[in-house]
Structure formats: C-alpha cells, structure tokens
Protein backbone atom coordinates (compact mmCIF):
# COMPACT_ATOMS: atom_id res chain seq x y z
CA MET A 1 -11.92 16.00 -15.13
CA LEU A 2 -10.73 15.11 -11.62
CA ARG A 3 -13.28 13.21 -9.61
CA PRO A 4 -13.39 14.55 -6.05
CA GLY A 5 -13.65 12.10 -3.21
CA GLY A 6 -17.09 11.72 -1.74
CA ALA A 7 -18.36 10.54 1.60
CA PRO A 8 -17.89 6.78 1.96
CA PRO A 9 -21.13 4.81 1.64
CA PRO A 10 -22.54 2.95 4.65
CA VAL A 11 -20.73 -0.21 5.68
CA THR A 12 -22.70 -3.37 4.92
CA ALA A 13 -23.31 -6.27 7.27
CA ASN A 14 -20.14 -8.12 6.29
CA GLY A 15 -17.95 -5.12 7.17
CA THR A 16 -17.40 -3.87 3.62
CA THR A 17 -18.79 -1.08 1.46
CA LEU A 18 -18.50 -3.19 -1.72
CA THR A 19 -21.82 -4.17 -3.32
CA GLU A 20 -22.91 -6.48 -6.14
CA ALA A 21 -23.78 -3.39 -8.18
CA ASP A 22 -20.14 -2.28 -7.88
CA TRP A 23 -18.96 -5.67 -9.09
CA ASP A 24 -21.42 -5.71 -11.99
CA ARG A 25 -20.34 -2.30 -13.25
CA ALA A 26 -16.62 -3.11 -12.99
CA LEU A 27 -17.08 -6.44 -14.77
CA GLU A 28 -19.07 -4.75 -17.55
CA LEU A 29 -16.38 -2.14 -18.15
CA ILE A 30 -13.48 -4.58 -18.12
CA ARG A 31 -15.20 -7.14 -20.33
CA GLY A 32 -15.99 -4.43 -22.86
CA ALA A 33 -12.47 -3.00 -22.94
CA GLU A 34 -9.89 -3.87 -25.59
CA SER A 35 -7.16 -2.11 -23.62
CA VAL A 36 -6.81 -1.26 -19.94
CA ALA A 37 -4.43 1.12 -18.17
CA LEU A 38 -3.34 0.11 -14.66
CA ALA A 39 -1.77 2.29 -11.96
CA CYS A 40 -0.76 1.70 -8.35
CA HIS A 41 0.33 4.17 -5.70
CA VAL A 42 3.73 5.84 -5.67
CA SER A 43 6.63 4.07 -3.92
CA PRO A 44 4.78 0.79 -4.45
CA ASP A 45 4.88 -1.97 -1.86
CA GLY A 46 4.20 -5.65 -2.43
CA ASP A 47 0.43 -5.33 -2.28
CA ALA A 48 0.25 -2.38 -4.68
CA LEU A 49 2.65 -3.73 -7.30
CA GLY A 50 1.67 -7.38 -6.84
CA SER A 51 -2.04 -6.64 -7.21
CA MET A 52 -1.49 -4.51 -10.30
CA LEU A 53 0.81 -6.96 -12.08
CA GLY A 54 -1.36 -9.92 -11.09
CA LEU A 55 -4.45 -8.44 -12.72
CA GLY A 56 -2.36 -7.16 -15.62
CA LEU A 57 -1.11 -10.66 -16.40
CA ALA A 58 -4.64 -12.06 -16.22
CA LEU A 59 -6.00 -9.37 -18.54
CA ARG A 60 -3.16 -9.77 -21.03
CA ALA A 61 -3.74 -13.53 -21.12
CA SER A 62 -7.37 -12.79 -22.03
CA GLY A 63 -6.23 -10.87 -25.11
CA ARG A 64 -6.41 -7.32 -23.82
CA LYS A 65 -3.71 -4.70 -24.25
CA VAL A 66 -2.32 -3.67 -20.87
CA ALA A 67 -0.13 -0.77 -19.75
CA ALA A 68 0.85 -0.57 -16.08
CA SER A 69 2.76 2.08 -14.16
CA PHE A 70 3.19 4.12 -10.99
CA GLY A 71 3.73 7.86 -10.81
CA ASP A 72 7.16 8.22 -9.20
CA ARG A 73 9.55 10.84 -10.55
CA CYS A 74 12.37 8.33 -10.16
CA PHE A 75 10.65 5.38 -11.83
CA ALA A 76 12.17 2.10 -10.67
CA VAL A 77 10.83 -1.17 -9.33
CA PRO A 78 12.02 -1.66 -5.73
CA ARG A 79 14.81 -4.25 -5.64
CA LEU A 80 12.88 -6.46 -3.24
CA LEU A 81 10.06 -6.78 -5.79
CA ARG A 82 12.08 -7.39 -8.94
CA TYR A 83 11.27 -11.09 -8.79
CA LEU A 84 7.62 -10.38 -9.62
CA PRO A 85 6.36 -11.70 -12.96
CA GLY A 86 4.76 -9.20 -15.32
CA ARG A 87 7.34 -6.45 -15.03
CA ASP A 88 7.34 -6.23 -18.83
CA LEU A 89 3.86 -4.68 -18.53
CA LEU A 90 5.38 -1.61 -16.88
CA VAL A 91 5.83 1.66 -18.74
CA GLU A 92 7.27 4.91 -17.40
CA PRO A 93 4.75 7.65 -16.55
CA GLU A 94 5.75 9.62 -19.66
CA SER A 95 4.68 6.69 -21.87
CA TYR A 96 1.42 5.98 -20.02
CA PRO A 97 -1.85 6.57 -21.94
CA ALA A 98 -2.85 10.21 -21.50
CA GLU A 99 -6.61 9.61 -21.71
CA PRO A 100 -7.27 5.90 -21.12
CA ALA A 101 -10.79 4.69 -21.84
CA VAL A 102 -10.65 2.40 -18.80
CA MET A 103 -8.13 2.92 -16.02
CA ILE A 104 -7.82 0.83 -12.85
CA THR A 105 -5.99 1.96 -9.72
CA PHE A 106 -4.61 -0.31 -7.01
CA ASP A 107 -4.08 0.24 -3.29
CA ALA A 108 -4.37 4.03 -3.61
CA SER A 109 -6.69 5.61 -1.06
CA THR A 110 -6.60 9.06 -2.69
CA MET A 111 -6.06 10.48 -6.15
CA GLU A 112 -2.92 12.20 -4.87
CA ARG A 113 -1.32 8.81 -4.16
CA LEU A 114 -1.07 8.30 -7.94
CA GLY A 115 1.63 10.96 -8.18
CA LEU A 116 2.51 11.82 -11.77
CA LEU A 117 -0.39 9.70 -13.05
CA MET A 118 -3.05 11.82 -11.33
CA PRO A 119 -3.79 13.81 -14.54
CA ASN A 120 -4.18 10.55 -16.47
CA ALA A 121 -6.69 9.31 -13.90
CA GLY A 122 -8.60 12.58 -14.14
CA ALA A 123 -8.79 12.25 -17.93
CA ALA A 124 -9.83 8.58 -17.94
CA GLY A 125 -13.17 7.69 -19.46
CA GLU A 126 -13.89 5.34 -16.55
CA LEU A 127 -11.79 5.03 -13.41
CA ILE A 128 -12.10 1.80 -11.41
CA VAL A 129 -10.62 2.05 -7.91
CA ILE A 130 -9.51 -1.23 -6.29
CA ASP A 131 -8.52 -0.83 -2.66
CA HIS A 132 -9.03 -1.99 0.92
CA HIS A 133 -8.18 1.13 2.94
CA VAL A 134 -10.81 2.53 5.28
CA SER A 135 -9.49 5.98 4.39
CA ASN A 136 -10.27 5.58 0.66
CA THR A 137 -11.91 8.78 -0.63
CA ARG A 138 -13.93 7.12 -3.45
CA PHE A 139 -12.23 9.27 -6.08
CA GLY A 140 -13.09 7.11 -9.08
CA SER A 141 -16.25 6.36 -11.04
CA VAL A 142 -16.44 2.69 -9.94
CA HIS A 143 -15.33 1.50 -6.52
CA LEU A 144 -14.13 -2.02 -5.71
CA VAL A 145 -13.20 -0.94 -2.19
CA ASP A 146 -13.50 -3.74 0.36
CA THR A 147 -12.58 -2.34 3.75
CA SER A 148 -12.85 -5.79 5.31
CA ALA A 149 -10.16 -7.25 3.00
CA ALA A 150 -6.70 -7.91 4.42
CA ALA A 151 -5.07 -6.70 1.21
CA THR A 152 -5.92 -5.24 -2.17
CA ALA A 153 -4.73 -8.57 -3.57
CA VAL A 154 -7.78 -10.19 -1.95
CA VAL A 155 -10.09 -7.99 -4.02
CA VAL A 156 -8.07 -8.62 -7.18
CA GLU A 157 -8.22 -12.39 -6.75
CA GLU A 158 -12.01 -12.20 -6.50
CA LEU A 159 -12.10 -9.99 -9.59
CA VAL A 160 -10.05 -12.54 -11.52
CA ARG A 161 -12.50 -15.27 -10.47
CA ARG A 162 -15.57 -13.23 -11.35
CA LEU A 163 -14.09 -12.43 -14.78
CA GLY A 164 -13.63 -16.16 -15.35
CA LEU A 165 -9.89 -15.74 -15.95
CA THR A 166 -7.31 -18.43 -15.22
CA LEU A 167 -5.25 -18.13 -12.04
CA ASP A 168 -1.83 -19.41 -13.04
CA ARG A 169 1.46 -19.60 -11.15
CA GLU A 170 2.72 -16.18 -12.27
CA ILE A 171 -0.50 -14.40 -11.31
CA ALA A 172 -0.57 -16.28 -8.00
CA THR A 173 3.01 -15.23 -7.24
CA CYS A 174 1.99 -11.59 -7.61
CA LEU A 175 -1.14 -11.92 -5.50
CA TYR A 176 0.56 -14.00 -2.80
CA THR A 177 3.17 -11.25 -2.54
CA GLY A 178 0.41 -8.74 -1.89
CA LEU A 179 -1.25 -11.00 0.65
CA VAL A 180 1.85 -11.72 2.73
CA THR A 181 2.99 -8.10 2.54
CA ASP A 182 -0.17 -6.63 4.03
CA THR A 183 -0.73 -9.40 6.58
CA GLY A 184 2.86 -9.24 7.81
CA SER A 185 3.32 -12.83 6.66
CA PHE A 186 0.03 -13.76 8.38
CA ARG A 187 0.94 -12.08 11.69
CA TYR A 188 -1.47 -9.12 11.66
CA ARG A 189 -5.02 -8.80 12.95
CA GLY A 190 -6.52 -9.02 9.47
CA THR A 191 -5.38 -12.64 9.09
CA THR A 192 -8.68 -14.54 8.95
CA PRO A 193 -9.76 -18.04 7.91
CA GLU A 194 -10.64 -16.52 4.53
CA VAL A 195 -7.09 -15.18 4.18
CA HIS A 196 -5.64 -18.63 4.78
CA ALA A 197 -8.14 -20.14 2.35
CA LEU A 198 -6.99 -17.69 -0.31
CA ALA A 199 -3.36 -18.47 0.47
CA GLY A 200 -4.20 -22.13 -0.05
CA ARG A 201 -5.68 -21.45 -3.49
CA LEU A 202 -2.60 -19.47 -4.48
CA LEU A 203 -0.22 -22.12 -3.16
CA ALA A 204 -2.12 -24.77 -5.13
CA THR A 205 -0.86 -23.19 -8.37
CA GLY A 206 2.68 -24.28 -7.50
CA ILE A 207 4.19 -21.01 -6.29
CA SER A 208 7.24 -21.07 -4.02
CA PRO A 209 6.39 -19.35 -0.71
CA ASP A 210 9.91 -19.89 0.63
CA GLU A 211 11.46 -18.06 -2.32
CA ILE A 212 8.95 -15.21 -2.03
CA ALA A 213 9.64 -14.86 1.70
CA ARG A 214 13.38 -14.85 1.09
CA GLU A 215 13.09 -12.09 -1.52
CA LEU A 216 10.84 -9.96 0.68
CA TRP A 217 12.40 -10.30 4.13
CA ASP A 218 15.71 -12.14 4.09
CA ARG A 219 17.79 -10.04 1.70
CA SER A 220 19.47 -6.66 2.22
CA PRO A 221 22.64 -5.01 0.92
CA PHE A 222 25.45 -4.60 3.46
CA ALA A 223 24.92 -0.82 3.42
CA TYR A 224 21.51 -1.34 5.02
CA LEU A 225 23.12 -2.45 8.28
CA GLY A 226 24.88 0.88 8.74
CA VAL A 227 21.79 2.91 7.87
CA LEU A 228 19.65 0.79 10.20
CA GLY A 229 22.18 1.32 12.98
CA LEU A 230 22.05 5.06 12.39
CA ALA A 231 18.25 5.10 12.58
CA LEU A 232 18.19 2.97 15.73
CA GLY A 233 20.81 5.17 17.38
CA ARG A 234 18.55 8.19 16.83
CA ALA A 235 15.40 6.51 18.11
CA ARG A 236 13.55 8.38 20.83
CA LEU A 237 11.13 6.87 23.34
CA GLU A 238 8.37 9.15 24.61
CA PRO A 239 6.30 7.13 27.13
CA GLY A 240 3.76 9.88 27.80
CA GLU A 241 2.79 10.39 24.17
CA ALA A 242 0.09 8.63 22.11
CA GLY A 243 -2.44 9.09 24.86
CA GLY A 244 -0.05 7.68 27.43
CA HIS A 245 0.47 4.47 25.45
CA GLY A 246 3.98 5.42 24.40
CA LEU A 247 5.63 6.60 21.19
CA VAL A 248 8.96 5.58 19.67
CA TRP A 249 10.24 7.36 16.59
CA THR A 250 13.28 7.96 14.44
CA TYR A 251 14.25 9.40 11.07
CA LEU A 252 16.53 8.88 8.06
CA GLY A 253 17.54 11.75 5.78
CA ARG A 254 18.46 11.37 2.13
CA ASP A 255 22.04 12.36 2.98
CA ASP A 256 22.21 9.42 5.41
CA ARG A 257 21.29 7.02 2.64
CA ALA A 258 23.45 8.75 0.04
CA ALA A 259 26.53 8.45 2.26
CA ALA A 260 25.96 4.71 2.46
CA GLY A 261 24.94 4.34 -1.19
CA LEU A 262 21.53 2.98 -0.17
CA PRO A 263 18.49 3.58 -2.41
CA TYR A 264 15.30 4.83 -0.77
CA SER A 265 13.46 1.57 -1.44
CA GLU A 266 16.00 -0.35 0.64
CA SER A 267 15.01 1.49 3.84
CA GLU A 268 11.51 0.03 4.04
CA GLY A 269 12.34 -2.44 6.83
CA VAL A 270 13.33 0.14 9.46
CA ILE A 271 9.77 0.50 10.76
CA ASP A 272 9.54 -3.25 11.36
CA VAL A 273 12.47 -3.08 13.77
CA VAL A 274 11.41 0.11 15.56
CA ARG A 275 7.85 -1.15 16.15
CA ARG A 276 9.13 -4.01 18.34
CA VAL A 277 9.73 -1.72 21.34
CA ASP A 278 7.63 -2.99 24.27
CA GLU A 279 7.27 0.40 25.93
CA ALA A 280 5.49 2.06 23.00
CA ASP A 281 2.20 1.29 21.30
CA VAL A 282 3.00 3.59 18.38
CA ALA A 283 6.12 3.55 16.21
CA VAL A 284 6.93 6.26 13.67
CA VAL A 285 9.72 6.37 11.07
CA LEU A 286 10.34 9.43 8.91
CA LYS A 287 12.27 8.78 5.69
CA GLN A 288 13.35 11.50 3.30
CA ASP A 289 12.87 10.74 -0.38
CA ASP A 290 15.32 11.85 -3.06
CA ASP A 291 13.19 14.93 -3.83
CA GLY A 292 13.34 16.11 -0.21
CA THR A 293 9.86 14.94 0.80
CA TRP A 294 9.55 13.17 4.16
CA ASN A 295 7.46 10.00 4.00
CA VAL A 296 6.11 9.08 7.41
CA SER A 297 5.23 5.49 8.35
CA THR A 298 3.23 4.78 11.50
CA ARG A 299 2.39 1.52 13.24
CA SER A 300 0.20 0.74 16.25
CA LYS A 301 -0.17 -2.34 18.43
CA GLY A 302 -3.86 -1.59 18.89
CA ALA A 303 -4.33 1.20 21.43
CA VAL A 304 -4.14 4.02 18.86
CA ASP A 305 -5.88 4.30 15.48
CA VAL A 306 -2.98 5.74 13.50
CA SER A 307 -5.10 6.13 10.35
CA ARG A 308 -7.03 8.97 12.01
CA ALA A 309 -3.86 10.92 12.69
CA CYS A 310 -2.39 10.27 9.24
CA THR A 311 -5.62 11.15 7.45
CA ALA A 312 -5.69 14.48 9.28
CA LEU A 313 -2.23 15.19 7.82
CA GLY A 314 -3.19 14.32 4.25
CA GLY A 315 -2.41 10.61 4.27
CA GLY A 316 -4.34 7.51 5.23
CA GLY A 317 -4.17 3.78 5.77
CA HIS A 318 -5.42 1.37 8.40
CA ALA A 319 -5.96 1.55 12.15
CA LEU A 320 -2.69 -0.29 12.80
CA ALA A 321 -0.62 0.90 9.81
CA ALA A 322 -0.83 4.25 8.05
CA GLY A 323 1.28 7.02 6.61
CA PHE A 324 1.53 10.45 5.05
CA SER A 325 4.04 12.74 3.34
CA SER A 326 5.24 16.20 4.31
CA GLY A 327 7.64 18.89 3.20
CA LEU A 328 8.27 20.06 6.78
CA ALA A 329 11.31 19.25 8.88
CA PRO A 330 11.15 16.14 11.13
CA ASP A 331 10.72 18.11 14.38
CA LYS A 332 7.82 20.08 12.92
CA ILE A 333 6.23 16.91 11.54
CA MET A 334 6.39 15.26 14.94
CA ALA A 335 5.04 18.39 16.63
CA ALA A 336 1.97 18.15 14.40
CA LEU A 337 1.64 14.38 14.76
CA ARG A 338 1.91 13.97 18.54
CA PRO A 339 -1.41 15.59 19.53
CA LEU A 340 -3.22 13.78 16.72
CA LEU A 341 -1.93 10.42 17.96
CA SER A 342 -3.11 11.20 21.48
CA ALA A 343 -6.52 12.21 20.15
CA SER A 344 -6.67 8.95 18.18
CA ALA A 345 -6.21 6.65 21.18
CA GLU A 346 -8.96 4.04 21.14
CA PRO A 347 -11.68 4.46 23.79
CA GLY A 348 -11.52 1.92 26.57
CA THR A 349 -7.80 1.20 26.25
CA GLU A 350 -5.65 1.75 29.29
CA ALA A 351 -2.24 3.33 29.11
CA GLY A 352 0.71 1.52 30.58
C-alpha cells in the first residue's frame, strides 16, 4: 500500500532529522537482503543518478542482486551522464520488480517524484528513502533523510562506509558527480569543510575530476546554442516581483526543442545562465517535456526561499533551488507562482 507522507520529525542539534535508529534499521534491512531494487526521481540529475548507481555498484560488489531505474515514460539516461559507471544496472520501468522486498529511493522528496515506479514503491515490503531535501514528505518506512547534507551522495557515501563496503574508483566517480552537481561545483552555500573532506576521500580513489567537469559542464550539441538564444530572447525581468527582490524568467516549449532537434535533457543548463542576472534574486525557467508537462526550475540568491513556493505548487527542493511540474500554460503558471514567491521572501532581507 502507498505510504502517505507524515509530518517531518524535529530537527536535531546538528541540523538533521537523521538518527542512529534510522541508520540501524536501514543497515539491518540492507544486510539481510539478497536483492535490492533502487529508484531515483524522474528526469534524473547528477545527484539522483550518481547516488543510485554508486550504491548499486557497492551492493553488487557485495554479492547482492541489484535492479535500478527511474520512472520516466521516455526512459533514457541524459547524455551528460552517460559517462557514469554502473549503467548496466539500469532496467526500464516495465522490467522493474513489481513487489520488491527492499526498495531504496534516491533524491526523491515525494512519492510522486518516482513517476511510473510509484506503484512499485507502494508495493515494496520495505521502502528506504535516501534524500537531503527539507521538503521530503517521509513517504517510506525507513528514512535516511539528512537535511543538513549538501547532496544525497553525501548520505550514500556514509551508508557505504557504515555497511563496510569498499569505495572504489567507479563508485567514487558516481558519488563525486552527485556532490559537484548539487554544490554547483563547490560554489553553493552548502559547501562546507565536510563537503571538501568528502571530495578529498573520493579523489583519493583516483577519479578524474577534470573529465567529470568536462562531461557535466563543458559539452553541448550545436543545437543548444540556438535554443539557449531563443530562451534568453524571451527572458522577462520583473523588478517588483519576489517581494521586491526581482524576478527573471523565461520558457522553452517542446516545439522549440523539436525544431532544433534538441532532446529535453540537453536544456538543463538554461537556468544557470538566466540566474546570473544582477537585478533579480529569483530566476525561473519553464521547460515543456515531451508529454506536454511544464517542468519549472527556480533559483534564489538568498532573499527568497523558493522551496516554500514550489512546495505549495506540488513540488519541493531547497531554499535556493527548487522546482515543480504543471499542466497549465506558462502565463498561468507564473500567475500562480508570483504571489507565492513574494510571500516566501526571507524576513529581514531588504529589496533592492
């Protein structure tokens, strides 16, 4: 049966809701399992896919049978992440275990983020949720949710250590991908001494950070330039929005991408360009998926907690980076989002 999300437990002194009892239960279940089913959120990014494949490789090396997947209707690994080891663990949603005894989810704050694999999660004997989002709804039976972690990969690396499994170069490549993805290559607020210490442990396995960075950020098909130009040409600056802190937003329809021959996954970098605008604290990019759904990415420089606004619209994320999906048209989506962004401005911040 589906496990509804409950109220998050109190935050502990170190800024996380994760307890030793949570660790003990997860370790007991994994150690007792002969096979494990893994699932990350739809349209996986580097942290979701890297965390899942990293743990999958570690579990397979320990002799367990592993099946990993994500619940997209158009099942394909994003081109930017096809360098990741462990892709042979992946199975399409149709081939995923229907009623896994032990299932582990990665980087998914809600059950709905599992897409086509949501029924599988509901039928699982035990559902371990590994995540770091403040907006996580605690939808599983065991929660490894560390809201103080910079990435889900941070939690996975600790799980690998606690299980006594070997951290090799392939596993480290996956986890380093997750770490640099969610820290913006160590540029975001969540970059702590502990994050750099973890990066050091991963680098010590012999991974190639230059090659990972090149795959993630320095490669795009020529068609991306035209689509990026189209999105930038449509960008609108609204200085009075977001509580007076400024909003910049744009959109890309599926027809825009189709005309250029650009897959959806290749449009991920648009938000990173739009968010650079000095006059706006909040940046929003709406991208239409192949099924017509609009996926909305939001970023904040710190004056607005975008996770509050996105959670109110059925999504979630972090204070500085969050998102949601909608079947409405872009103008209607923005009409719903604007007042929520203004209401989510952080107290004590001055506009302008």
